[in-house]
């Protein structure tokens, strides 16, 4: 077995997997999990940013001052 035959086997398997995701319900399940994860992430990040708004503003302000003065 040479390297080109191995690469061809890998590509054939990858194409078959993509086609099975497209035609089966695995792709739909994957999309649903992606949506759930994104909703949870937004539900965690937004309240966290609101909760730590003052600390974040202070940190970014300090970083901006540090960059503008070239020294900290």
PDB file of N, CA and C in Angstrom:
ATOM      1  N   UNK A   1       0.856  -1.181   0.000  1.00  0.00           N
ATOM      2  CA  UNK A   1       0.000   0.000   0.000  1.00  0.00           C
ATOM      3  C   UNK A   1       0.895   1.235   0.000  1.00  0.00           C
ATOM      4  N   UNK A   2       0.663   2.119  -0.921  1.00  0.00           N
ATOM      5  CA  UNK A   2       1.477   3.336  -0.969  1.00  0.00           C
ATOM      6  C   UNK A   2       0.734   4.498  -0.321  1.00  0.00           C
ATOM      7  N   UNK A   3       1.412   5.628  -0.212  1.00  0.00           N
ATOM      8  CA  UNK A   3       0.860   6.782   0.491  1.00  0.00           C
ATOM      9  C   UNK A   3      -0.353   7.351  -0.231  1.00  0.00           C
ATOM     10  N   UNK A   4      -0.327   7.360  -1.572  1.00  0.00           N
ATOM     11  CA  UNK A   4      -1.455   7.912  -2.314  1.00  0.00           C
ATOM     12  C   UNK A   4      -2.709   7.074  -2.117  1.00  0.00           C
ATOM     13  N   UNK A   5      -2.547   5.775  -2.029  1.00  0.00           N
ATOM     14  CA  UNK A   5      -3.695   4.914  -1.806  1.00  0.00           C
ATOM     15  C   UNK A   5      -4.277   5.168  -0.415  1.00  0.00           C
ATOM     16  N   UNK A   6      -3.433   5.398   0.566  1.00  0.00           N
ATOM     17  CA  UNK A   6      -3.892   5.683   1.913  1.00  0.00           C
ATOM     18  C   UNK A   6      -4.636   7.010   1.956  1.00  0.00           C
ATOM     19  N   UNK A   7      -4.107   8.034   1.302  1.00  0.00           N
ATOM     20  CA  UNK A   7      -4.772   9.329   1.257  1.00  0.00           C
ATOM     21  C   UNK A   7      -6.118   9.207   0.561  1.00  0.00           C
ATOM     22  N   UNK A   8      -6.161   8.421  -0.518  1.00  0.00           N
ATOM     23  CA  UNK A   8      -7.409   8.212  -1.239  1.00  0.00           C
ATOM     24  C   UNK A   8      -8.443   7.537  -0.337  1.00  0.00           C
ATOM     25  N   UNK A   9      -8.008   6.560   0.462  1.00  0.00           N
ATOM     26  CA  UNK A   9      -8.920   5.880   1.383  1.00  0.00           C
ATOM     27  C   UNK A   9      -9.455   6.849   2.436  1.00  0.00           C
ATOM     28  N   UNK A  10      -8.594   7.710   2.949  1.00  0.00           N
ATOM     29  CA  UNK A  10      -9.007   8.685   3.960  1.00  0.00           C
ATOM     30  C   UNK A  10     -10.007   9.671   3.367  1.00  0.00           C
ATOM     31  N   UNK A  11      -9.711  10.184   2.172  1.00  0.00           N
ATOM     32  CA  UNK A  11     -10.625  11.124   1.526  1.00  0.00           C
ATOM     33  C   UNK A  11     -11.965  10.477   1.204  1.00  0.00           C
ATOM     34  N   UNK A  12     -11.947   9.243   0.752  1.00  0.00           N
ATOM     35  CA  UNK A  12     -13.191   8.533   0.459  1.00  0.00           C
ATOM     36  C   UNK A  12     -14.020   8.362   1.722  1.00  0.00           C
ATOM     37  N   UNK A  13     -13.378   8.014   2.833  1.00  0.00           N
ATOM     38  CA  UNK A  13     -14.094   7.859   4.098  1.00  0.00           C
ATOM     39  C   UNK A  13     -14.655   9.191   4.582  1.00  0.00           C
ATOM     40  N   UNK A  14     -13.899  10.272   4.411  1.00  0.00           N
ATOM     41  CA  UNK A  14     -14.373  11.589   4.836  1.00  0.00           C
ATOM     42  C   UNK A  14     -15.570  12.035   4.006  1.00  0.00           C
ATOM     43  N   UNK A  15     -15.519  11.804   2.711  1.00  0.00           N
ATOM     44  CA  UNK A  15     -16.643  12.168   1.844  1.00  0.00           C
ATOM     45  C   UNK A  15     -17.875  11.352   2.207  1.00  0.00           C
ATOM     46  N   UNK A  16     -17.694  10.077   2.479  1.00  0.00           N
ATOM     47  CA  UNK A  16     -18.822   9.238   2.881  1.00  0.00           C
ATOM     48  C   UNK A  16     -19.423   9.722   4.191  1.00  0.00           C
ATOM     49  N   UNK A  17     -18.595  10.164   5.124  1.00  0.00           N
ATOM     50  CA  UNK A  17     -19.091  10.661   6.413  1.00  0.00           C
ATOM     51  C   UNK A  17     -19.880  11.956   6.237  1.00  0.00           C
ATOM     52  N   UNK A  18     -19.377  12.869   5.408  1.00  0.00           N
ATOM     53  CA  UNK A  18     -20.084  14.125   5.161  1.00  0.00           C
ATOM     54  C   UNK A  18     -21.430  13.850   4.498  1.00  0.00           C
ATOM     55  N   UNK A  19     -21.460  12.925   3.553  1.00  0.00           N
ATOM     56  CA  UNK A  19     -22.716  12.596   2.894  1.00  0.00           C
ATOM     57  C   UNK A  19     -23.703  11.958   3.861  1.00  0.00           C
ATOM     58  N   UNK A  20     -23.219  11.139   4.789  1.00  0.00           N
ATOM     59  CA  UNK A  20     -24.125  10.534   5.759  1.00  0.00           C
ATOM     60  C   UNK A  20     -24.678  11.585   6.718  1.00  0.00           C
ATOM     61  N   UNK A  21     -23.870  12.595   7.064  1.00  0.00           N
ATOM     62  CA  UNK A  21     -24.366  13.679   7.911  1.00  0.00           C
ATOM     63  C   UNK A  21     -25.430  14.496   7.191  1.00  0.00           C
ATOM     64  N   UNK A  22     -25.229  14.679   5.903  1.00  0.00           N
ATOM     65  CA  UNK A  22     -26.158  15.479   5.126  1.00  0.00           C
ATOM     66  C   UNK A  22     -27.497  14.772   4.944  1.00  0.00           C
ATOM     67  N   UNK A  23     -27.476  13.454   4.796  1.00  0.00           N
ATOM     68  CA  UNK A  23     -28.708  12.726   4.524  1.00  0.00           C
ATOM     69  C   UNK A  23     -29.341  12.152   5.781  1.00  0.00           C
ATOM     70  N   UNK A  24     -28.565  11.943   6.824  1.00  0.00           N
ATOM     71  CA  UNK A  24     -29.110  11.342   8.030  1.00  0.00           C
ATOM     72  C   UNK A  24     -29.517  12.379   9.050  1.00  0.00           C
ATOM     73  N   UNK A  25     -29.896  11.914  10.215  1.00  0.00           N
ATOM     74  CA  UNK A  25     -30.311  12.815  11.281  1.00  0.00           C
ATOM     75  C   UNK A  25     -29.136  13.230  12.162  1.00  0.00           C
ATOM     76  N   UNK A  26     -27.959  12.660  11.940  1.00  0.00           N
ATOM     77  CA  UNK A  26     -26.796  13.046  12.733  1.00  0.00           C
ATOM     78  C   UNK A  26     -26.468  14.514  12.543  1.00  0.00           C
ATOM     79  N   UNK A  27     -26.577  15.001  11.320  1.00  0.00           N
ATOM     80  CA  UNK A  27     -26.302  16.403  11.041  1.00  0.00           C
ATOM     81  C   UNK A  27     -27.296  17.317  11.735  1.00  0.00           C
ATOM     82  N   UNK A  28     -28.562  16.887  11.762  1.00  0.00           N
ATOM     83  CA  UNK A  28     -29.584  17.679  12.436  1.00  0.00           C
ATOM     84  C   UNK A  28     -29.310  17.723  13.931  1.00  0.00           C
ATOM     85  N   UNK A  29     -28.942  16.596  14.503  1.00  0.00           N
ATOM     86  CA  UNK A  29     -28.630  16.545  15.927  1.00  0.00           C
ATOM     87  C   UNK A  29     -27.432  17.431  16.242  1.00  0.00           C
ATOM     88  N   UNK A  30     -26.431  17.395  15.391  1.00  0.00           N
ATOM     89  CA  UNK A  30     -25.250  18.234  15.579  1.00  0.00           C
ATOM     90  C   UNK A  30     -25.623  19.710  15.538  1.00  0.00           C
ATOM     91  N   UNK A  31     -26.489  20.095  14.614  1.00  0.00           N
ATOM     92  CA  UNK A  31     -26.932  21.485  14.523  1.00  0.00           C
ATOM     93  C   UNK A  31     -27.724  21.876  15.767  1.00  0.00           C
ATOM     94  N   UNK A  32     -28.553  20.975  16.257  1.00  0.00           N
ATOM     95  CA  UNK A  32     -29.331  21.273  17.462  1.00  0.00           C
ATOM     96  C   UNK A  32     -28.420  21.451  18.668  1.00  0.00           C
ATOM     97  N   UNK A  33     -27.423  20.598  18.797  1.00  0.00           N
ATOM     98  CA  UNK A  33     -26.469  20.751  19.903  1.00  0.00           C
ATOM     99  C   UNK A  33     -25.722  22.074  19.778  1.00  0.00           C
ATOM    100  N   UNK A  34     -25.372  22.453  18.573  1.00  0.00           N
ATOM    101  CA  UNK A  34     -24.704  23.737  18.363  1.00  0.00           C
ATOM    102  C   UNK A  34     -25.570  24.904  18.794  1.00  0.00           C
ATOM    103  N   UNK A  35     -26.851  24.839  18.470  1.00  0.00           N
ATOM    104  CA  UNK A  35     -27.770  25.899  18.890  1.00  0.00           C
ATOM    105  C   UNK A  35     -27.905  25.945  20.405  1.00  0.00           C
ATOM    106  N   UNK A  36     -28.011  24.788  21.032  1.00  0.00           N
ATOM    107  CA  UNK A  36     -28.131  24.739  22.492  1.00  0.00           C
ATOM    108  C   UNK A  36     -26.889  25.331  23.149  1.00  0.00           C
ATOM    109  N   UNK A  37     -25.716  24.960  22.649  1.00  0.00           N
ATOM    110  CA  UNK A  37     -24.471  25.473  23.214  1.00  0.00           C
ATOM    111  C   UNK A  37     -24.380  26.984  23.039  1.00  0.00           C
ATOM    112  N   UNK A  38     -24.797  27.492  21.877  1.00  0.00           N
ATOM    113  CA  UNK A  38     -24.718  28.938  21.660  1.00  0.00           C
ATOM    114  C   UNK A  38     -25.703  29.685  22.554  1.00  0.00           C
ATOM    115  N   UNK A  39     -26.894  29.142  22.773  1.00  0.00           N
ATOM    116  CA  UNK A  39     -27.864  29.797  23.653  1.00  0.00           C
ATOM    117  C   UNK A  39     -27.350  29.815  25.093  1.00  0.00           C
ATOM    118  N   UNK A  40     -26.773  28.696  25.530  1.00  0.00           N
ATOM    119  CA  UNK A  40     -26.221  28.633  26.885  1.00  0.00           C
ATOM    120  C   UNK A  40     -25.055  29.607  27.024  1.00  0.00           C
ATOM    121  N   UNK A  41     -24.210  29.672  26.007  1.00  0.00           N
ATOM    122  CA  UNK A  41     -23.061  30.582  26.062  1.00  0.00           C
ATOM    123  C   UNK A  41     -23.518  32.030  26.166  1.00  0.00           C
ATOM    124  N   UNK A  42     -24.503  32.409  25.364  1.00  0.00           N
ATOM    125  CA  UNK A  42     -25.022  33.774  25.436  1.00  0.00           C
ATOM    126  C   UNK A  42     -25.672  34.005  26.793  1.00  0.00           C
ATOM    127  N   UNK A  43     -26.371  32.993  27.304  1.00  0.00           N
ATOM    128  CA  UNK A  43     -27.020  33.112  28.606  1.00  0.00           C
ATOM    129  C   UNK A  43     -26.045  33.227  29.752  1.00  0.00           C
ATOM    130  N   UNK A  44     -24.816  32.801  29.559  1.00  0.00           N
ATOM    131  CA  UNK A  44     -23.796  32.913  30.604  1.00  0.00           C
ATOM    132  C   UNK A  44     -22.956  34.172  30.403  1.00  0.00           C
ATOM    133  N   UNK A  45     -22.570  34.457  29.165  1.00  0.00           N
ATOM    134  CA  UNK A  45     -21.661  35.568  28.887  1.00  0.00           C
ATOM    135  C   UNK A  45     -22.335  36.918  29.128  1.00  0.00           C
ATOM    136  N   UNK A  46     -23.543  37.098  28.633  1.00  0.00           N
ATOM    137  CA  UNK A  46     -24.202  38.397  28.764  1.00  0.00           C
ATOM    138  C   UNK A  46     -24.441  38.763  30.227  1.00  0.00           C
ATOM    139  N   UNK A  47     -25.042  37.883  31.038  1.00  0.00           N
ATOM    140  CA  UNK A  47     -25.206  38.253  32.448  1.00  0.00           C
ATOM    141  C   UNK A  47     -23.875  38.461  33.173  1.00  0.00           C
ATOM    142  N   UNK A  48     -22.857  37.688  32.811  1.00  0.00           N
ATOM    143  CA  UNK A  48     -21.548  37.858  33.429  1.00  0.00           C
ATOM    144  C   UNK A  48     -20.962  39.220  33.096  1.00  0.00           C
ATOM    145  N   UNK A  49     -21.105  39.632  31.846  1.00  0.00           N
ATOM    146  CA  UNK A  49     -20.595  40.944  31.461  1.00  0.00           C
ATOM    147  C   UNK A  49     -21.366  42.054  32.176  1.00  0.00           C
ATOM    148  N   UNK A  50     -22.667  41.882  32.342  1.00  0.00           N
ATOM    149  CA  UNK A  50     -23.453  42.885  33.061  1.00  0.00           C
ATOM    150  C   UNK A  50     -23.067  42.923  34.536  1.00  0.00           C
ATOM    151  N   UNK A  51     -22.821  41.746  35.099  1.00  0.00           N
ATOM    152  CA  UNK A  51     -22.472  41.656  36.509  1.00  0.00           C
ATOM    153  C   UNK A  51     -21.106  42.275  36.787  1.00  0.00           C
ATOM    154  N   UNK A  52     -20.156  42.045  35.898  1.00  0.00           N
ATOM    155  CA  UNK A  52     -18.792  42.530  36.090  1.00  0.00           C
ATOM    156  C   UNK A  52     -18.496  43.756  35.235  1.00  0.00           C
ATOM    157  N   UNK A  53     -19.514  44.518  34.879  1.00  0.00           N
ATOM    158  CA  UNK A  53     -19.369  45.675  34.010  1.00  0.00           C
ATOM    159  C   UNK A  53     -18.339  46.671  34.541  1.00  0.00           C
ATOM    160  N   UNK A  54     -18.407  46.984  35.814  1.00  0.00           N
ATOM    161  CA  UNK A  54     -17.467  47.948  36.400  1.00  0.00           C
ATOM    162  C   UNK A  54     -16.040  47.446  36.363  1.00  0.00           C
ATOM    163  N   UNK A  55     -15.838  46.194  36.728  1.00  0.00           N
ATOM    164  CA  UNK A  55     -14.493  45.622  36.732  1.00  0.00           C
ATOM    165  C   UNK A  55     -13.926  45.547  35.315  1.00  0.00           C
ATOM    166  N   UNK A  56     -14.778  45.187  34.348  1.00  0.00           N
ATOM    167  CA  UNK A  56     -14.318  45.120  32.960  1.00  0.00           C
ATOM    168  C   UNK A  56     -13.944  46.504  32.436  1.00  0.00           C
ATOM    169  N   UNK A  57     -14.765  47.511  32.744  1.00  0.00           N
ATOM    170  CA  UNK A  57     -14.467  48.870  32.297  1.00  0.00           C
ATOM    171  C   UNK A  57     -13.163  49.363  32.904  1.00  0.00           C
ATOM    172  N   UNK A  58     -12.963  49.046  34.170  1.00  0.00           N
ATOM    173  CA  UNK A  58     -11.725  49.448  34.841  1.00  0.00           C
ATOM    174  C   UNK A  58     -10.509  48.760  34.222  1.00  0.00           C
ATOM    175  N   UNK A  59     -10.634  47.475  33.948  1.00  0.00           N
ATOM    176  CA  UNK A  59      -9.519  46.722  33.370  1.00  0.00           C
ATOM    177  C   UNK A  59      -9.170  47.245  31.980  1.00  0.00           C
ATOM    178  N   UNK A  60     -10.199  47.477  31.155  1.00  0.00           N
ATOM    179  CA  UNK A  60      -9.931  47.993  29.817  1.00  0.00           C
ATOM    180  C   UNK A  60      -9.385  49.424  29.878  1.00  0.00           C
ATOM    181  N   UNK A  61      -9.876  50.205  30.819  1.00  0.00           N
ATOM    182  CA  UNK A  61      -9.353  51.561  30.991  1.00  0.00           C
ATOM    183  C   UNK A  61      -7.894  51.548  31.398  1.00  0.00           C
ATOM    184  N   UNK A  62      -7.537  50.664  32.319  1.00  0.00           N
ATOM    185  CA  UNK A  62      -6.138  50.548  32.743  1.00  0.00           C
ATOM    186  C   UNK A  62      -5.250  50.101  31.596  1.00  0.00           C
ATOM    187  N   UNK A  63      -5.746  49.151  30.807  1.00  0.00           N
ATOM    188  CA  UNK A  63      -4.968  48.680  29.661  1.00  0.00           C
ATOM    189  C   UNK A  63      -4.772  49.793  28.641  1.00  0.00           C
ATOM    190  N   UNK A  64      -5.820  50.571  28.396  1.00  0.00           N
ATOM    191  CA  UNK A  64      -5.716  51.692  27.457  1.00  0.00           C
ATOM    192  C   UNK A  64      -4.729  52.734  27.964  1.00  0.00           C
ATOM    193  N   UNK A  65      -4.796  53.057  29.244  1.00  0.00           N
ATOM    194  CA  UNK A  65      -3.849  54.015  29.822  1.00  0.00           C
ATOM    195  C   UNK A  65      -2.423  53.504  29.712  1.00  0.00           C
ATOM    196  N   UNK A  66      -2.242  52.223  29.957  1.00  0.00           N
ATOM    197  CA  UNK A  66      -0.919  51.609  29.891  1.00  0.00           C
ATOM    198  C   UNK A  66      -0.357  51.686  28.463  1.00  0.00           C
ATOM    199  N   UNK A  67      -1.206  51.430  27.485  1.00  0.00           N
ATOM    200  CA  UNK A  67      -0.768  51.479  26.086  1.00  0.00           C
ATOM    201  C   UNK A  67      -0.452  52.920  25.687  1.00  0.00           C
ATOM    202  N   UNK A  68      -1.287  53.859  26.088  1.00  0.00           N
ATOM    203  CA  UNK A  68      -1.071  55.255  25.701  1.00  0.00           C
ATOM    204  C   UNK A  68       0.184  55.847  26.320  1.00  0.00           C
ATOM    205  N   UNK A  69       0.501  55.442  27.545  1.00  0.00           N
ATOM    206  CA  UNK A  69       1.693  55.981  28.212  1.00  0.00           C
ATOM    207  C   UNK A  69       2.945  55.205  27.863  1.00  0.00           C
ATOM    208  N   UNK A  70       2.806  54.068  27.255  1.00  0.00           N
ATOM    209  CA  UNK A  70       3.897  53.180  26.850  1.00  0.00           C
ATOM    210  C   UNK A  70       4.536  52.519  28.071  1.00  0.00           C
ATOM    211  N   UNK A  71       4.271  52.990  29.247  1.00  0.00           N
ATOM    212  CA  UNK A  71       4.734  52.340  30.474  1.00  0.00           C
ATOM    213  C   UNK A  71       3.533  52.124  31.372  1.00  0.00           C
ATOM    214  N   UNK A  72       3.677  51.198  32.290  1.00  0.00           N
ATOM    215  CA  UNK A  72       2.560  50.910  33.189  1.00  0.00           C
ATOM    216  C   UNK A  72       2.832  51.352  34.598  1.00  0.00           C
TER     217      UNK A  72
END
